Amino acid sequence: RFTFQSGYISPAIPYADVIHLRKKFSSND
């Protein structure tokens, strides 16, 4: 679920449906 600068909160989205790129993916799960 995302919260944006405007204060808008998105509905819960299946994580499998979101492209997620990470940099220095280390100590956090």
mmCIF file of all heavy atoms, coordinates in Angstrom:
data_MODEL
# 
_entry.id   MODEL 
# 
loop_
_atom_site.group_PDB 
_atom_site.id 
_atom_site.type_symbol 
_atom_site.label_atom_id 
_atom_site.label_alt_id 
_atom_site.label_comp_id 
_atom_site.label_asym_id 
_atom_site.label_entity_id 
_atom_site.label_seq_id 
_atom_site.pdbx_PDB_ins_code 
_atom_site.Cartn_x 
_atom_site.Cartn_y 
_atom_site.Cartn_z 
_atom_site.occupancy 
_atom_site.B_iso_or_equiv 
_atom_site.pdbx_formal_charge 
_atom_site.auth_seq_id 
_atom_site.auth_comp_id 
_atom_site.auth_asym_id 
_atom_site.auth_atom_id 
_atom_site.pdbx_PDB_model_num 
ATOM 1   N N   . ARG A 1 1  ? 0.852  -1.189  0.000   1.00 0.00 ? 1  ARG A N   1 
ATOM 2   C CA  . ARG A 1 1  ? 0.000  0.000   0.000   1.00 0.00 ? 1  ARG A CA  1 
ATOM 3   C C   . ARG A 1 1  ? 0.887  1.238   0.000   1.00 0.00 ? 1  ARG A C   1 
ATOM 4   O O   . ARG A 1 1  ? 1.889  1.301   0.731   1.00 0.00 ? 1  ARG A O   1 
ATOM 5   C CB  . ARG A 1 1  ? -0.920 -0.001  1.219   1.00 0.00 ? 1  ARG A CB  1 
ATOM 6   C CG  . ARG A 1 1  ? -1.941 1.140   1.231   1.00 0.00 ? 1  ARG A CG  1 
ATOM 7   C CD  . ARG A 1 1  ? -3.027 0.883   2.261   1.00 0.00 ? 1  ARG A CD  1 
ATOM 8   N NE  . ARG A 1 1  ? -2.493 0.790   3.618   1.00 0.00 ? 1  ARG A NE  1 
ATOM 9   C CZ  . ARG A 1 1  ? -3.150 0.236   4.638   1.00 0.00 ? 1  ARG A CZ  1 
ATOM 10  N NH1 . ARG A 1 1  ? -4.353 -0.292  4.442   1.00 0.00 ? 1  ARG A NH1 1 
ATOM 11  N NH2 . ARG A 1 1  ? -2.612 0.192   5.851   1.00 0.00 ? 1  ARG A NH2 1 
ATOM 12  N N   . PHE A 1 2  ? 0.518  2.219   -0.829  1.00 0.00 ? 2  PHE A N   1 
ATOM 13  C CA  . PHE A 1 2  ? 1.335  3.414   -1.000  1.00 0.00 ? 2  PHE A CA  1 
ATOM 14  C C   . PHE A 1 2  ? 0.610  4.643   -0.461  1.00 0.00 ? 2  PHE A C   1 
ATOM 15  O O   . PHE A 1 2  ? -0.594 4.788   -0.610  1.00 0.00 ? 2  PHE A O   1 
ATOM 16  C CB  . PHE A 1 2  ? 1.652  3.656   -2.484  1.00 0.00 ? 2  PHE A CB  1 
ATOM 17  C CG  . PHE A 1 2  ? 2.365  2.511   -3.145  1.00 0.00 ? 2  PHE A CG  1 
ATOM 18  C CD1 . PHE A 1 2  ? 1.711  1.708   -4.066  1.00 0.00 ? 2  PHE A CD1 1 
ATOM 19  C CD2 . PHE A 1 2  ? 3.697  2.248   -2.876  1.00 0.00 ? 2  PHE A CD2 1 
ATOM 20  C CE1 . PHE A 1 2  ? 2.354  0.668   -4.700  1.00 0.00 ? 2  PHE A CE1 1 
ATOM 21  C CE2 . PHE A 1 2  ? 4.357  1.204   -3.494  1.00 0.00 ? 2  PHE A CE2 1 
ATOM 22  C CZ  . PHE A 1 2  ? 3.678  0.411   -4.403  1.00 0.00 ? 2  PHE A CZ  1 
ATOM 23  N N   . THR A 1 3  ? 1.385  5.538   0.157   1.00 0.00 ? 3  THR A N   1 
ATOM 24  C CA  . THR A 1 3  ? 0.905  6.866   0.509   1.00 0.00 ? 3  THR A CA  1 
ATOM 25  C C   . THR A 1 3  ? 1.740  7.876   -0.265  1.00 0.00 ? 3  THR A C   1 
ATOM 26  O O   . THR A 1 3  ? 2.982  7.796   -0.273  1.00 0.00 ? 3  THR A O   1 
ATOM 27  C CB  . THR A 1 3  ? 1.041  7.137   2.017   1.00 0.00 ? 3  THR A CB  1 
ATOM 28  O OG1 . THR A 1 3  ? 0.291  6.155   2.743   1.00 0.00 ? 3  THR A OG1 1 
ATOM 29  C CG2 . THR A 1 3  ? 0.518  8.518   2.370   1.00 0.00 ? 3  THR A CG2 1 
ATOM 30  N N   . PHE A 1 4  ? 1.063  8.836   -0.922  1.00 0.00 ? 4  PHE A N   1 
ATOM 31  C CA  . PHE A 1 4  ? 1.757  9.783   -1.771  1.00 0.00 ? 4  PHE A CA  1 
ATOM 32  C C   . PHE A 1 4  ? 1.819  11.154  -1.114  1.00 0.00 ? 4  PHE A C   1 
ATOM 33  O O   . PHE A 1 4  ? 1.182  11.397  -0.083  1.00 0.00 ? 4  PHE A O   1 
ATOM 34  C CB  . PHE A 1 4  ? 1.061  9.863   -3.138  1.00 0.00 ? 4  PHE A CB  1 
ATOM 35  C CG  . PHE A 1 4  ? 1.107  8.569   -3.895  1.00 0.00 ? 4  PHE A CG  1 
ATOM 36  C CD1 . PHE A 1 4  ? 0.085  7.626   -3.754  1.00 0.00 ? 4  PHE A CD1 1 
ATOM 37  C CD2 . PHE A 1 4  ? 2.176  8.268   -4.724  1.00 0.00 ? 4  PHE A CD2 1 
ATOM 38  C CE1 . PHE A 1 4  ? 0.129  6.413   -4.430  1.00 0.00 ? 4  PHE A CE1 1 
ATOM 39  C CE2 . PHE A 1 4  ? 2.225  7.064   -5.409  1.00 0.00 ? 4  PHE A CE2 1 
ATOM 40  C CZ  . PHE A 1 4  ? 1.209  6.144   -5.265  1.00 0.00 ? 4  PHE A CZ  1 
ATOM 41  N N   . GLN A 1 5  ? 2.598  12.039  -1.694  1.00 0.00 ? 5  GLN A N   1 
ATOM 42  C CA  . GLN A 1 5  ? 2.840  13.348  -1.098  1.00 0.00 ? 5  GLN A CA  1 
ATOM 43  C C   . GLN A 1 5  ? 1.548  14.140  -0.937  1.00 0.00 ? 5  GLN A C   1 
ATOM 44  O O   . GLN A 1 5  ? 1.424  14.954  -0.025  1.00 0.00 ? 5  GLN A O   1 
ATOM 45  C CB  . GLN A 1 5  ? 3.833  14.123  -1.973  1.00 0.00 ? 5  GLN A CB  1 
ATOM 46  C CG  . GLN A 1 5  ? 4.332  15.402  -1.332  1.00 0.00 ? 5  GLN A CG  1 
ATOM 47  C CD  . GLN A 1 5  ? 5.471  16.022  -2.114  1.00 0.00 ? 5  GLN A CD  1 
ATOM 48  O OE1 . GLN A 1 5  ? 5.871  15.505  -3.147  1.00 0.00 ? 5  GLN A OE1 1 
ATOM 49  N NE2 . GLN A 1 5  ? 5.995  17.116  -1.628  1.00 0.00 ? 5  GLN A NE2 1 
ATOM 50  N N   . SER A 1 6  ? 0.584  13.905  -1.798  1.00 0.00 ? 6  SER A N   1 
ATOM 51  C CA  . SER A 1 6  ? -0.694 14.608  -1.698  1.00 0.00 ? 6  SER A CA  1 
ATOM 52  C C   . SER A 1 6  ? -1.530 14.138  -0.521  1.00 0.00 ? 6  SER A C   1 
ATOM 53  O O   . SER A 1 6  ? -2.539 14.752  -0.182  1.00 0.00 ? 6  SER A O   1 
ATOM 54  C CB  . SER A 1 6  ? -1.487 14.405  -2.995  1.00 0.00 ? 6  SER A CB  1 
ATOM 55  O OG  . SER A 1 6  ? -1.822 13.035  -3.161  1.00 0.00 ? 6  SER A OG  1 
ATOM 56  N N   . GLY A 1 7  ? -1.131 13.018  0.112   1.00 0.00 ? 7  GLY A N   1 
ATOM 57  C CA  . GLY A 1 7  ? -1.907 12.433  1.193   1.00 0.00 ? 7  GLY A CA  1 
ATOM 58  C C   . GLY A 1 7  ? -2.781 11.284  0.736   1.00 0.00 ? 7  GLY A C   1 
ATOM 59  O O   . GLY A 1 7  ? -3.394 10.600  1.564   1.00 0.00 ? 7  GLY A O   1 
ATOM 60  N N   . TYR A 1 8  ? -2.854 11.047  -0.574  1.00 0.00 ? 8  TYR A N   1 
ATOM 61  C CA  . TYR A 1 8  ? -3.671 9.950   -1.097  1.00 0.00 ? 8  TYR A CA  1 
ATOM 62  C C   . TYR A 1 8  ? -3.055 8.616   -0.687  1.00 0.00 ? 8  TYR A C   1 
ATOM 63  O O   . TYR A 1 8  ? -1.843 8.404   -0.789  1.00 0.00 ? 8  TYR A O   1 
ATOM 64  C CB  . TYR A 1 8  ? -3.755 10.047  -2.618  1.00 0.00 ? 8  TYR A CB  1 
ATOM 65  C CG  . TYR A 1 8  ? -4.487 8.887   -3.257  1.00 0.00 ? 8  TYR A CG  1 
ATOM 66  C CD1 . TYR A 1 8  ? -5.867 8.861   -3.324  1.00 0.00 ? 8  TYR A CD1 1 
ATOM 67  C CD2 . TYR A 1 8  ? -3.779 7.802   -3.773  1.00 0.00 ? 8  TYR A CD2 1 
ATOM 68  C CE1 . TYR A 1 8  ? -6.548 7.797   -3.908  1.00 0.00 ? 8  TYR A CE1 1 
ATOM 69  C CE2 . TYR A 1 8  ? -4.432 6.739   -4.360  1.00 0.00 ? 8  TYR A CE2 1 
ATOM 70  C CZ  . TYR A 1 8  ? -5.817 6.736   -4.423  1.00 0.00 ? 8  TYR A CZ  1 
ATOM 71  O OH  . TYR A 1 8  ? -6.476 5.679   -4.996  1.00 0.00 ? 8  TYR A OH  1 
ATOM 72  N N   . ILE A 1 9  ? -3.913 7.698   -0.238  1.00 0.00 ? 9  ILE A N   1 
ATOM 73  C CA  . ILE A 1 9  ? -3.482 6.351   0.147   1.00 0.00 ? 9  ILE A CA  1 
ATOM 74  C C   . ILE A 1 9  ? -4.112 5.361   -0.824  1.00 0.00 ? 9  ILE A C   1 
ATOM 75  O O   . ILE A 1 9  ? -5.335 5.342   -1.008  1.00 0.00 ? 9  ILE A O   1 
ATOM 76  C CB  . ILE A 1 9  ? -3.905 6.020   1.592   1.00 0.00 ? 9  ILE A CB  1 
ATOM 77  C CG1 . ILE A 1 9  ? -3.288 7.033   2.556   1.00 0.00 ? 9  ILE A CG1 1 
ATOM 78  C CG2 . ILE A 1 9  ? -3.481 4.614   1.961   1.00 0.00 ? 9  ILE A CG2 1 
ATOM 79  C CD1 . ILE A 1 9  ? -3.739 6.846   4.000   1.00 0.00 ? 9  ILE A CD1 1 
ATOM 80  N N   . SER A 1 10 ? -3.295 4.582   -1.459  1.00 0.00 ? 10 SER A N   1 
ATOM 81  C CA  . SER A 1 10 ? -3.793 3.621   -2.441  1.00 0.00 ? 10 SER A CA  1 
ATOM 82  C C   . SER A 1 10 ? -4.460 2.441   -1.737  1.00 0.00 ? 10 SER A C   1 
ATOM 83  O O   . SER A 1 10 ? -4.202 2.190   -0.551  1.00 0.00 ? 10 SER A O   1 
ATOM 84  C CB  . SER A 1 10 ? -2.631 3.106   -3.290  1.00 0.00 ? 10 SER A CB  1 
ATOM 85  O OG  . SER A 1 10 ? -1.828 2.188   -2.546  1.00 0.00 ? 10 SER A OG  1 
ATOM 86  N N   . PRO A 1 11 ? -5.312 1.711   -2.450  1.00 0.00 ? 11 PRO A N   1 
ATOM 87  C CA  . PRO A 1 11 ? -5.817 0.455   -1.884  1.00 0.00 ? 11 PRO A CA  1 
ATOM 88  C C   . PRO A 1 11 ? -4.702 -0.569  -1.800  1.00 0.00 ? 11 PRO A C   1 
ATOM 89  O O   . PRO A 1 11 ? -3.618 -0.374  -2.363  1.00 0.00 ? 11 PRO A O   1 
ATOM 90  C CB  . PRO A 1 11 ? -6.895 0.031   -2.888  1.00 0.00 ? 11 PRO A CB  1 
ATOM 91  C CG  . PRO A 1 11 ? -6.490 0.685   -4.162  1.00 0.00 ? 11 PRO A CG  1 
ATOM 92  C CD  . PRO A 1 11 ? -5.864 1.991   -3.779  1.00 0.00 ? 11 PRO A CD  1 
ATOM 93  N N   . ALA A 1 12 ? -4.943 -1.645  -1.087  1.00 0.00 ? 12 ALA A N   1 
ATOM 94  C CA  . ALA A 1 12 ? -3.946 -2.721  -0.992  1.00 0.00 ? 12 ALA A CA  1 
ATOM 95  C C   . ALA A 1 12 ? -3.824 -3.392  -2.357  1.00 0.00 ? 12 ALA A C   1 
ATOM 96  O O   . ALA A 1 12 ? -4.817 -3.805  -2.957  1.00 0.00 ? 12 ALA A O   1 
ATOM 97  C CB  . ALA A 1 12 ? -4.358 -3.731  0.073   1.00 0.00 ? 12 ALA A CB  1 
ATOM 98  N N   . ILE A 1 13 ? -2.604 -3.505  -2.847  1.00 0.00 ? 13 ILE A N   1 
ATOM 99  C CA  . ILE A 1 13 ? -2.330 -4.069  -4.168  1.00 0.00 ? 13 ILE A CA  1 
ATOM 100 C C   . ILE A 1 13 ? -1.517 -5.348  -3.976  1.00 0.00 ? 13 ILE A C   1 
ATOM 101 O O   . ILE A 1 13 ? -0.560 -5.361  -3.192  1.00 0.00 ? 13 ILE A O   1 
ATOM 102 C CB  . ILE A 1 13 ? -1.525 -3.081  -5.024  1.00 0.00 ? 13 ILE A CB  1 
ATOM 103 C CG1 . ILE A 1 13 ? -2.242 -1.731  -5.095  1.00 0.00 ? 13 ILE A CG1 1 
ATOM 104 C CG2 . ILE A 1 13 ? -1.286 -3.639  -6.418  1.00 0.00 ? 13 ILE A CG2 1 
ATOM 105 C CD1 . ILE A 1 13 ? -1.371 -0.620  -5.623  1.00 0.00 ? 13 ILE A CD1 1 
ATOM 106 N N   . PRO A 1 14 ? -1.863 -6.435  -4.648  1.00 0.00 ? 14 PRO A N   1 
ATOM 107 C CA  . PRO A 1 14 ? -1.020 -7.635  -4.544  1.00 0.00 ? 14 PRO A CA  1 
ATOM 108 C C   . PRO A 1 14 ? 0.420  -7.302  -4.922  1.00 0.00 ? 14 PRO A C   1 
ATOM 109 O O   . PRO A 1 14 ? 0.676  -6.725  -5.988  1.00 0.00 ? 14 PRO A O   1 
ATOM 110 C CB  . PRO A 1 14 ? -1.657 -8.601  -5.549  1.00 0.00 ? 14 PRO A CB  1 
ATOM 111 C CG  . PRO A 1 14 ? -3.082 -8.152  -5.653  1.00 0.00 ? 14 PRO A CG  1 
ATOM 112 C CD  . PRO A 1 14 ? -3.046 -6.654  -5.501  1.00 0.00 ? 14 PRO A CD  1 
ATOM 113 N N   . TYR A 1 15 ? 1.333  -7.647  -4.052  1.00 0.00 ? 15 TYR A N   1 
ATOM 114 C CA  . TYR A 1 15 ? 2.741  -7.321  -4.297  1.00 0.00 ? 15 TYR A CA  1 
ATOM 115 C C   . TYR A 1 15 ? 3.245  -7.981  -5.575  1.00 0.00 ? 15 TYR A C   1 
ATOM 116 O O   . TYR A 1 15 ? 4.108  -7.433  -6.270  1.00 0.00 ? 15 TYR A O   1 
ATOM 117 C CB  . TYR A 1 15 ? 3.582  -7.766  -3.098  1.00 0.00 ? 15 TYR A CB  1 
ATOM 118 C CG  . TYR A 1 15 ? 5.054  -7.451  -3.226  1.00 0.00 ? 15 TYR A CG  1 
ATOM 119 C CD1 . TYR A 1 15 ? 5.505  -6.128  -3.242  1.00 0.00 ? 15 TYR A CD1 1 
ATOM 120 C CD2 . TYR A 1 15 ? 5.996  -8.469  -3.317  1.00 0.00 ? 15 TYR A CD2 1 
ATOM 121 C CE1 . TYR A 1 15 ? 6.850  -5.833  -3.351  1.00 0.00 ? 15 TYR A CE1 1 
ATOM 122 C CE2 . TYR A 1 15 ? 7.346  -8.184  -3.427  1.00 0.00 ? 15 TYR A CE2 1 
ATOM 123 C CZ  . TYR A 1 15 ? 7.771  -6.866  -3.450  1.00 0.00 ? 15 TYR A CZ  1 
ATOM 124 O OH  . TYR A 1 15 ? 9.104  -6.578  -3.568  1.00 0.00 ? 15 TYR A OH  1 
ATOM 125 N N   . ALA A 1 16 ? 2.683  -9.127  -5.913  1.00 0.00 ? 16 ALA A N   1 
ATOM 126 C CA  . ALA A 1 16 ? 3.100  -9.843  -7.121  1.00 0.00 ? 16 ALA A CA  1 
ATOM 127 C C   . ALA A 1 16 ? 2.737  -9.085  -8.381  1.00 0.00 ? 16 ALA A C   1 
ATOM 128 O O   . ALA A 1 16 ? 3.262  -9.392  -9.460  1.00 0.00 ? 16 ALA A O   1 
ATOM 129 C CB  . ALA A 1 16 ? 2.470  -11.235 -7.151  1.00 0.00 ? 16 ALA A CB  1 
ATOM 130 N N   . ASP A 1 17 ? 1.849  -8.091  -8.287  1.00 0.00 ? 17 ASP A N   1 
ATOM 131 C CA  . ASP A 1 17 ? 1.427  -7.316  -9.446  1.00 0.00 ? 17 ASP A CA  1 
ATOM 132 C C   . ASP A 1 17 ? 2.176  -5.991  -9.566  1.00 0.00 ? 17 ASP A C   1 
ATOM 133 O O   . ASP A 1 17 ? 1.853  -5.166  -10.423 1.00 0.00 ? 17 ASP A O   1 
ATOM 134 C CB  . ASP A 1 17 ? -0.072 -7.024  -9.384  1.00 0.00 ? 17 ASP A CB  1 
ATOM 135 C CG  . ASP A 1 17 ? -0.911 -8.264  -9.649  1.00 0.00 ? 17 ASP A CG  1 
ATOM 136 O OD1 . ASP A 1 17 ? -0.341 -9.276  -10.095 1.00 0.00 ? 17 ASP A OD1 1 
ATOM 137 O OD2 . ASP A 1 17 ? -2.133 -8.214  -9.409  1.00 0.00 ? 17 ASP A OD2 1 
ATOM 138 N N   . VAL A 1 18 ? 3.153  -5.756  -8.716  1.00 0.00 ? 18 VAL A N   1 
ATOM 139 C CA  . VAL A 1 18 ? 3.911  -4.504  -8.739  1.00 0.00 ? 18 VAL A CA  1 
ATOM 140 C C   . VAL A 1 18 ? 5.366  -4.812  -9.073  1.00 0.00 ? 18 VAL A C   1 
ATOM 141 O O   . VAL A 1 18 ? 5.982  -5.699  -8.466  1.00 0.00 ? 18 VAL A O   1 
ATOM 142 C CB  . VAL A 1 18 ? 3.833  -3.782  -7.374  1.00 0.00 ? 18 VAL A CB  1 
ATOM 143 C CG1 . VAL A 1 18 ? 4.699  -2.525  -7.376  1.00 0.00 ? 18 VAL A CG1 1 
ATOM 144 C CG2 . VAL A 1 18 ? 2.395  -3.421  -7.046  1.00 0.00 ? 18 VAL A CG2 1 
ATOM 145 N N   . ILE A 1 19 ? 5.908  -4.102  -10.048 1.00 0.00 ? 19 ILE A N   1 
ATOM 146 C CA  . ILE A 1 19 ? 7.333  -4.241  -10.367 1.00 0.00 ? 19 ILE A CA  1 
ATOM 147 C C   . ILE A 1 19 ? 8.128  -3.452  -9.332  1.00 0.00 ? 19 ILE A C   1 
ATOM 148 O O   . ILE A 1 19 ? 7.901  -2.259  -9.138  1.00 0.00 ? 19 ILE A O   1 
ATOM 149 C CB  . ILE A 1 19 ? 7.620  -3.723  -11.789 1.00 0.00 ? 19 ILE A CB  1 
ATOM 150 C CG1 . ILE A 1 19 ? 6.890  -4.592  -12.825 1.00 0.00 ? 19 ILE A CG1 1 
ATOM 151 C CG2 . ILE A 1 19 ? 9.113  -3.720  -12.074 1.00 0.00 ? 19 ILE A CG2 1 
ATOM 152 C CD1 . ILE A 1 19 ? 6.966  -4.050  -14.238 1.00 0.00 ? 19 ILE A CD1 1 
ATOM 153 N N   . HIS A 1 20 ? 9.054  -4.121  -8.668  1.00 0.00 ? 20 HIS A N   1 
ATOM 154 C CA  . HIS A 1 20 ? 9.817  -3.510  -7.583  1.00 0.00 ? 20 HIS A CA  1 
ATOM 155 C C   . HIS A 1 20 ? 11.305 -3.714  -7.856  1.00 0.00 ? 20 HIS A C   1 
ATOM 156 O O   . HIS A 1 20 ? 11.804 -4.838  -7.844  1.00 0.00 ? 20 HIS A O   1 
ATOM 157 C CB  . HIS A 1 20 ? 9.427  -4.141  -6.233  1.00 0.00 ? 20 HIS A CB  1 
ATOM 158 C CG  . HIS A 1 20 ? 10.103 -3.515  -5.065  1.00 0.00 ? 20 HIS A CG  1 
ATOM 159 N ND1 . HIS A 1 20 ? 10.041 -4.052  -3.776  1.00 0.00 ? 20 HIS A ND1 1 
ATOM 160 C CD2 . HIS A 1 20 ? 10.870 -2.395  -4.953  1.00 0.00 ? 20 HIS A CD2 1 
ATOM 161 C CE1 . HIS A 1 20 ? 10.723 -3.293  -2.960  1.00 0.00 ? 20 HIS A CE1 1 
ATOM 162 N NE2 . HIS A 1 20 ? 11.247 -2.286  -3.641  1.00 0.00 ? 20 HIS A NE2 1 
ATOM 163 N N   . LEU A 1 21 ? 12.001 -2.623  -8.120  1.00 0.00 ? 21 LEU A N   1 
ATOM 164 C CA  . LEU A 1 21 ? 13.454 -2.652  -8.320  1.00 0.00 ? 21 LEU A CA  1 
ATOM 165 C C   . LEU A 1 21 ? 14.129 -2.142  -7.059  1.00 0.00 ? 21 LEU A C   1 
ATOM 166 O O   . LEU A 1 21 ? 13.677 -1.159  -6.459  1.00 0.00 ? 21 LEU A O   1 
ATOM 167 C CB  . LEU A 1 21 ? 13.843 -1.771  -9.514  1.00 0.00 ? 21 LEU A CB  1 
ATOM 168 C CG  . LEU A 1 21 ? 13.356 -2.253  -10.880 1.00 0.00 ? 21 LEU A CG  1 
ATOM 169 C CD1 . LEU A 1 21 ? 13.323 -1.103  -11.856 1.00 0.00 ? 21 LEU A CD1 1 
ATOM 170 C CD2 . LEU A 1 21 ? 14.243 -3.363  -11.396 1.00 0.00 ? 21 LEU A CD2 1 
ATOM 171 N N   . ARG A 1 22 ? 15.229 -2.793  -6.669  1.00 0.00 ? 22 ARG A N   1 
ATOM 172 C CA  . ARG A 1 22 ? 15.917 -2.418  -5.438  1.00 0.00 ? 22 ARG A CA  1 
ATOM 173 C C   . ARG A 1 22 ? 17.398 -2.184  -5.699  1.00 0.00 ? 22 ARG A C   1 
ATOM 174 O O   . ARG A 1 22 ? 17.994 -2.853  -6.547  1.00 0.00 ? 22 ARG A O   1 
ATOM 175 C CB  . ARG A 1 22 ? 15.745 -3.516  -4.382  1.00 0.00 ? 22 ARG A CB  1 
ATOM 176 C CG  . ARG A 1 22 ? 14.333 -3.654  -3.880  1.00 0.00 ? 22 ARG A CG  1 
ATOM 177 C CD  . ARG A 1 22 ? 14.131 -4.892  -3.040  1.00 0.00 ? 22 ARG A CD  1 
ATOM 178 N NE  . ARG A 1 22 ? 13.849 -6.051  -3.861  1.00 0.00 ? 22 ARG A NE  1 
ATOM 179 C CZ  . ARG A 1 22 ? 13.011 -7.031  -3.537  1.00 0.00 ? 22 ARG A CZ  1 
ATOM 180 N NH1 . ARG A 1 22 ? 12.363 -6.969  -2.402  1.00 0.00 ? 22 ARG A NH1 1 
ATOM 181 N NH2 . ARG A 1 22 ? 12.812 -8.040  -4.338  1.00 0.00 ? 22 ARG A NH2 1 
ATOM 182 N N   . LYS A 1 23 ? 17.961 -1.264  -4.943  1.00 0.00 ? 23 LYS A N   1 
ATOM 183 C CA  . LYS A 1 23 ? 19.388 -0.978  -5.021  1.00 0.00 ? 23 LYS A CA  1 
ATOM 184 C C   . LYS A 1 23 ? 20.003 -1.259  -3.658  1.00 0.00 ? 23 LYS A C   1 
ATOM 185 O O   . LYS A 1 23 ? 19.444 -0.872  -2.635  1.00 0.00 ? 23 LYS A O   1 
ATOM 186 C CB  . LYS A 1 23 ? 19.617 0.484   -5.432  1.00 0.00 ? 23 LYS A CB  1 
ATOM 187 C CG  . LYS A 1 23 ? 21.080 0.891   -5.547  1.00 0.00 ? 23 LYS A CG  1 
ATOM 188 C CD  . LYS A 1 23 ? 21.182 2.309   -6.067  1.00 0.00 ? 23 LYS A CD  1 
ATOM 189 C CE  . LYS A 1 23 ? 22.633 2.803   -6.011  1.00 0.00 ? 23 LYS A CE  1 
ATOM 190 N NZ  . LYS A 1 23 ? 23.550 1.994   -6.836  1.00 0.00 ? 23 LYS A NZ  1 
ATOM 191 N N   . LYS A 1 24 ? 21.146 -1.942  -3.667  1.00 0.00 ? 24 LYS A N   1 
ATOM 192 C CA  . LYS A 1 24 ? 21.828 -2.323  -2.426  1.00 0.00 ? 24 LYS A CA  1 
ATOM 193 C C   . LYS A 1 24 ? 20.862 -3.045  -1.491  1.00 0.00 ? 24 LYS A C   1 
ATOM 194 O O   . LYS A 1 24 ? 20.685 -2.665  -0.323  1.00 0.00 ? 24 LYS A O   1 
ATOM 195 C CB  . LYS A 1 24 ? 22.461 -1.101  -1.755  1.00 0.00 ? 24 LYS A CB  1 
ATOM 196 C CG  . LYS A 1 24 ? 23.558 -0.470  -2.609  1.00 0.00 ? 24 LYS A CG  1 
ATOM 197 C CD  . LYS A 1 24 ? 24.347 0.590   -1.870  1.00 0.00 ? 24 LYS A CD  1 
ATOM 198 C CE  . LYS A 1 24 ? 25.478 1.120   -2.739  1.00 0.00 ? 24 LYS A CE  1 
ATOM 199 N NZ  . LYS A 1 24 ? 26.285 2.154   -2.099  1.00 0.00 ? 24 LYS A NZ  1 
ATOM 200 N N   . PHE A 1 25 ? 20.246 -4.080  -2.004  1.00 0.00 ? 25 PHE A N   1 
ATOM 201 C CA  . PHE A 1 25 ? 19.292 -4.901  -1.256  1.00 0.00 ? 25 PHE A CA  1 
ATOM 202 C C   . PHE A 1 25 ? 20.080 -5.776  -0.289  1.00 0.00 ? 25 PHE A C   1 
ATOM 203 O O   . PHE A 1 25 ? 20.670 -6.771  -0.670  1.00 0.00 ? 25 PHE A O   1 
ATOM 204 C CB  . PHE A 1 25 ? 18.492 -5.739  -2.255  1.00 0.00 ? 25 PHE A CB  1 
ATOM 205 C CG  . PHE A 1 25 ? 17.388 -6.557  -1.651  1.00 0.00 ? 25 PHE A CG  1 
ATOM 206 C CD1 . PHE A 1 25 ? 16.707 -6.129  -0.525  1.00 0.00 ? 25 PHE A CD1 1 
ATOM 207 C CD2 . PHE A 1 25 ? 17.020 -7.761  -2.222  1.00 0.00 ? 25 PHE A CD2 1 
ATOM 208 C CE1 . PHE A 1 25 ? 15.690 -6.877  0.013   1.00 0.00 ? 25 PHE A CE1 1 
ATOM 209 C CE2 . PHE A 1 25 ? 16.005 -8.526  -1.692  1.00 0.00 ? 25 PHE A CE2 1 
ATOM 210 C CZ  . PHE A 1 25 ? 15.339 -8.088  -0.571  1.00 0.00 ? 25 PHE A CZ  1 
ATOM 211 N N   . SER A 1 26 ? 20.080 -5.400  0.994   1.00 0.00 ? 26 SER A N   1 
ATOM 212 C CA  . SER A 1 26 ? 20.974 -6.069  1.945   1.00 0.00 ? 26 SER A CA  1 
ATOM 213 C C   . SER A 1 26 ? 20.253 -6.484  3.217   1.00 0.00 ? 26 SER A C   1 
ATOM 214 O O   . SER A 1 26 ? 19.671 -7.570  3.285   1.00 0.00 ? 26 SER A O   1 
ATOM 215 C CB  . SER A 1 26 ? 22.162 -5.154  2.282   1.00 0.00 ? 26 SER A CB  1 
ATOM 216 O OG  . SER A 1 26 ? 21.706 -3.889  2.752   1.00 0.00 ? 26 SER A OG  1 
ATOM 217 N N   . SER A 1 27 ? 20.222 -5.632  4.221   1.00 0.00 ? 27 SER A N   1 
ATOM 218 C CA  . SER A 1 27 ? 19.776 -6.045  5.550   1.00 0.00 ? 27 SER A CA  1 
ATOM 219 C C   . SER A 1 27 ? 18.261 -6.059  5.711   1.00 0.00 ? 27 SER A C   1 
ATOM 220 O O   . SER A 1 27 ? 17.750 -6.716  6.619   1.00 0.00 ? 27 SER A O   1 
ATOM 221 C CB  . SER A 1 27 ? 20.395 -5.134  6.619   1.00 0.00 ? 27 SER A CB  1 
ATOM 222 O OG  . SER A 1 27 ? 20.131 -3.776  6.329   1.00 0.00 ? 27 SER A OG  1 
ATOM 223 N N   . ASN A 1 28 ? 17.520 -5.341  4.882   1.00 0.00 ? 28 ASN A N   1 
ATOM 224 C CA  . ASN A 1 28 ? 16.063 -5.345  4.991   1.00 0.00 ? 28 ASN A CA  1 
ATOM 225 C C   . ASN A 1 28 ? 15.487 -6.498  4.180   1.00 0.00 ? 28 ASN A C   1 
ATOM 226 O O   . ASN A 1 28 ? 16.014 -6.863  3.134   1.00 0.00 ? 28 ASN A O   1 
ATOM 227 C CB  . ASN A 1 28 ? 15.488 -4.012  4.508   1.00 0.00 ? 28 ASN A CB  1 
ATOM 228 C CG  . ASN A 1 28 ? 14.028 -3.832  4.889   1.00 0.00 ? 28 ASN A CG  1 
ATOM 229 O OD1 . ASN A 1 28 ? 13.147 -4.341  4.229   1.00 0.00 ? 28 ASN A OD1 1 
ATOM 230 N ND2 . ASN A 1 28 ? 13.791 -3.119  5.980   1.00 0.00 ? 28 ASN A ND2 1 
ATOM 231 N N   . ASP A 1 29 ? 14.365 -7.061  4.643   1.00 0.00 ? 29 ASP A N   1 
ATOM 232 C CA  . ASP A 1 29 ? 13.786 -8.237  3.979   1.00 0.00 ? 29 ASP A CA  1 
ATOM 233 C C   . ASP A 1 29 ? 13.147 -7.916  2.642   1.00 0.00 ? 29 ASP A C   1 
ATOM 234 O O   . ASP A 1 29 ? 13.115 -8.766  1.747   1.00 0.00 ? 29 ASP A O   1 
ATOM 235 C CB  . ASP A 1 29 ? 12.737 -8.887  4.888   1.00 0.00 ? 29 ASP A CB  1 
ATOM 236 C CG  . ASP A 1 29 ? 13.367 -9.609  6.063   1.00 0.00 ? 29 ASP A CG  1 
ATOM 237 O OD1 . ASP A 1 29 ? 14.593 -9.855  6.008   1.00 0.00 ? 29 ASP A OD1 1 
ATOM 238 O OD2 . ASP A 1 29 ? 12.646 -9.927  7.031   1.00 0.00 ? 29 ASP A OD2 1 
# 
